[in-house]
Protein backbone atom coordinates (compact mmCIF):
# COMPACT_ATOMS: atom_id res chain seq x y z
CA MET A 1 126.68 111.50 25.36
CA LEU A 2 125.48 115.40 25.29
CA TYR A 3 122.47 114.74 27.31
CA LEU A 4 124.90 112.67 30.25
CA ILE A 5 127.07 115.15 29.69
CA GLN A 6 123.95 118.08 30.60
CA GLN A 7 123.02 116.53 33.15
CA GLY A 8 125.98 117.38 35.23
CA ALA A 9 129.25 116.91 36.76
CA GLY A 10 128.67 113.40 38.30
CA GLU A 11 127.52 112.05 34.92
CA ARG A 12 129.47 114.07 32.97
CA ASP A 13 133.08 112.24 35.43
CA ARG A 14 131.24 108.81 35.26
CA LEU A 15 130.64 108.79 31.04
CA GLU A 16 134.61 110.25 30.73
CA ALA A 17 135.18 107.55 32.96
CA VAL A 18 133.96 104.74 30.44
CA LEU A 19 134.75 105.90 27.61
CA GLY A 20 138.92 105.98 28.48
CA LYS A 21 137.75 101.84 28.41
CA PRO A 22 138.06 99.45 25.45
CA GLU A 23 134.67 99.97 23.14
CA ALA A 24 133.25 96.69 24.45
CA GLU A 25 133.86 97.52 27.61
CA ALA A 26 132.54 101.01 27.39
CA LEU A 27 129.13 99.98 25.80
CA ARG A 28 128.31 97.29 27.95
CA VAL A 29 128.93 99.72 30.48
CA LEU A 30 127.13 102.24 29.29
CA ARG A 31 124.57 99.70 28.09
CA SER A 32 124.09 98.22 31.99
CA GLU A 33 124.46 102.01 33.62
CA PHE A 34 123.02 104.54 32.45
CA ALA A 35 120.19 106.15 31.39
CA LEU A 36 119.57 106.22 28.53
CA GLU A 37 116.16 105.74 27.12
CA HIS A 38 116.22 108.69 27.60
CA ALA A 39 119.02 109.88 25.75
CA VAL A 40 118.39 108.95 22.38
CA ALA A 41 114.36 110.53 23.32
CA TYR A 42 116.67 113.72 23.74
CA ALA A 43 118.23 112.91 20.60
CA MET A 44 114.63 112.33 18.64
CA GLU A 45 113.56 115.86 19.80
CA GLU A 46 116.32 117.89 19.07
CA ALA A 47 117.16 116.38 15.62
CA GLN A 48 113.16 116.41 15.08
CA ARG A 49 113.53 120.55 15.80
CA ARG A 50 116.65 120.83 13.89
CA ILE A 51 114.57 119.61 11.07
CA ARG A 52 111.24 121.67 11.55
CA LYS A 53 113.98 124.86 11.12
CA ALA A 54 115.88 123.45 8.45
CA GLN A 55 112.48 123.27 7.13
CA ALA A 56 110.98 126.05 7.37
CA SER A 57 114.25 127.55 5.63
CA LEU A 58 113.67 126.14 2.19
CA SER A 59 110.45 128.89 2.41
CA ALA A 60 113.07 130.19 0.69
CA LEU A 61 113.94 128.61 -2.10
CA PRO A 62 111.87 129.19 -5.41
CA GLU A 63 109.09 126.63 -5.15
CA GLY A 64 109.63 123.36 -7.61
CA PRO A 65 110.50 120.16 -7.06
CA ALA A 66 114.55 120.26 -6.01
CA ARG A 67 112.55 122.65 -3.27
CA ASP A 68 109.97 119.33 -2.23
CA ALA A 69 113.30 116.95 -2.42
CA LEU A 70 114.79 118.43 -0.17
CA HIS A 71 111.77 118.99 2.02
CA GLN A 72 111.16 114.88 2.26
CA LEU A 73 114.75 114.78 2.32
CA ALA A 74 114.97 116.15 5.77
CA GLY A 75 112.17 114.54 7.46
CA PHE A 76 113.21 111.06 6.10
CA VAL A 77 116.14 111.87 8.13
CA VAL A 78 114.58 111.50 10.81
CA THR A 79 111.72 108.39 10.62
CA ARG A 80 114.32 106.46 8.57
CA ARG A 81 115.22 103.03 10.47
C-alpha cells in the first residue's frame, strides 16, 4: 500500500476508495486493478535494505553466538516462504 500511495495522487485516491469496501471486494479489486507485482518488488527491496542496515548495526555487539544468531535471524526474515 505504501508503494501505491507513493505513485501519486491518482493511485492514492483509487486506493482510498478500495479501502472503504468490504474486505473480500477490496482484495478482488486490489488484485485485478493494481500493478501489485511492482509493490511486492518494492517491499522486498525495502525489507532487504533494512535487514542489511540492521545486520550492520550488530557489529556494535560483542562477537559470539548471540550476535551470530541475530544476524542469521535477520536474513531469515527476508528469505522465508
